[in-house]
């Protein structure tokens, strides 16, 4: 959708599993320019991180990108532990 989207961890890891990846980086944009993660962003990051741990595929980072070249990095903020 234009205001939000559903993220399915199965779909996130499908390609990683097919290509024998040992790590992934995920990203999405915030067209508003507000790079702070929403509650939903934090929740799905935790879910993907936990799923990756079970599959032994490390989530290296989740980036939120804005139109004005700003970004938020969950890894840089220590939010992936």
Protein backbone atom coordinates (compact mmCIF):
# COMPACT_ATOMS: atom_id res chain seq x y z
CA UNK A 1 0.00 0.00 0.00
CA UNK A 2 0.96 3.64 -0.05
CA UNK A 3 0.76 4.14 3.72
CA UNK A 4 2.00 0.77 4.93
CA UNK A 5 2.82 -2.73 3.85
CA UNK A 6 2.86 -6.24 5.25
CA UNK A 7 6.25 -7.89 5.65
CA UNK A 8 6.26 -11.68 5.62
CA UNK A 9 9.49 -13.12 7.09
CA UNK A 10 9.02 -16.24 4.96
CA UNK A 11 9.28 -14.11 1.83
CA UNK A 12 12.23 -12.17 3.25
CA UNK A 13 14.20 -15.37 3.81
CA UNK A 14 13.07 -17.27 0.69
CA UNK A 15 15.75 -15.78 -1.57
CA UNK A 16 18.37 -15.89 1.19
CA UNK A 17 17.73 -19.62 1.58
CA UNK A 18 17.73 -20.27 -2.17
CA UNK A 19 21.09 -18.56 -2.57
CA UNK A 20 22.68 -20.00 0.59
CA UNK A 21 23.16 -16.54 2.06
CA UNK A 22 24.72 -16.33 5.49
CA UNK A 23 23.52 -12.76 6.14
CA UNK A 24 21.01 -10.18 4.89
CA UNK A 25 20.40 -6.44 5.04
CA UNK A 26 16.84 -5.18 4.73
CA UNK A 27 15.67 -1.66 3.99
CA UNK A 28 12.62 0.40 3.28
CA UNK A 29 11.80 4.04 2.70
CA UNK A 30 9.92 6.64 4.70
CA UNK A 31 8.66 9.11 2.08
CA UNK A 32 7.70 11.54 4.86
CA UNK A 33 11.38 12.18 5.58
CA UNK A 34 10.95 11.06 9.21
CA UNK A 35 13.63 8.40 9.64
CA UNK A 36 12.64 7.33 13.16
CA UNK A 37 11.40 3.72 13.21
CA UNK A 38 7.74 3.15 13.97
CA UNK A 39 6.51 0.54 16.45
CA UNK A 40 5.78 -1.67 13.45
CA UNK A 41 9.33 -1.17 12.08
CA UNK A 42 10.78 -2.21 15.43
CA UNK A 43 8.44 -5.19 15.72
CA UNK A 44 9.17 -6.60 12.25
CA UNK A 45 12.90 -6.05 12.74
CA UNK A 46 12.78 -8.13 15.92
CA UNK A 47 10.73 -10.82 14.18
CA UNK A 48 13.11 -11.01 11.20
CA UNK A 49 16.15 -10.99 13.49
CA UNK A 50 14.73 -13.88 15.56
CA UNK A 51 13.77 -15.82 12.43
CA UNK A 52 17.25 -15.29 11.01
CA UNK A 53 18.86 -16.58 14.18
CA UNK A 54 16.82 -19.78 13.92
CA UNK A 55 17.88 -20.17 10.28
CA UNK A 56 21.49 -19.15 11.00
CA UNK A 57 21.14 -16.19 8.63
CA UNK A 58 22.37 -13.03 10.34
CA UNK A 59 20.44 -9.78 9.98
CA UNK A 60 23.30 -7.32 9.51
CA UNK A 61 21.15 -4.21 9.37
CA UNK A 62 17.71 -2.73 8.73
CA UNK A 63 17.92 0.66 7.08
CA UNK A 64 15.19 3.28 6.87
CA UNK A 65 15.90 5.67 4.01
CA UNK A 66 14.38 9.11 3.39
CA UNK A 67 14.18 11.16 0.23
CA UNK A 68 16.67 13.74 1.53
CA UNK A 69 19.60 11.31 1.91
CA UNK A 70 19.04 10.75 5.63
CA UNK A 71 18.87 7.24 7.02
CA UNK A 72 18.37 5.31 10.22
CA UNK A 73 20.46 2.19 10.81
CA UNK A 74 19.25 -0.31 13.39
CA UNK A 75 22.83 -1.68 13.54
CA UNK A 76 24.40 1.75 14.12
CA UNK A 77 21.86 2.43 16.88
CA UNK A 78 22.56 -0.92 18.58
CA UNK A 79 18.97 -2.02 18.04
CA UNK A 80 19.71 -5.49 16.64
CA UNK A 81 20.90 -7.22 19.81
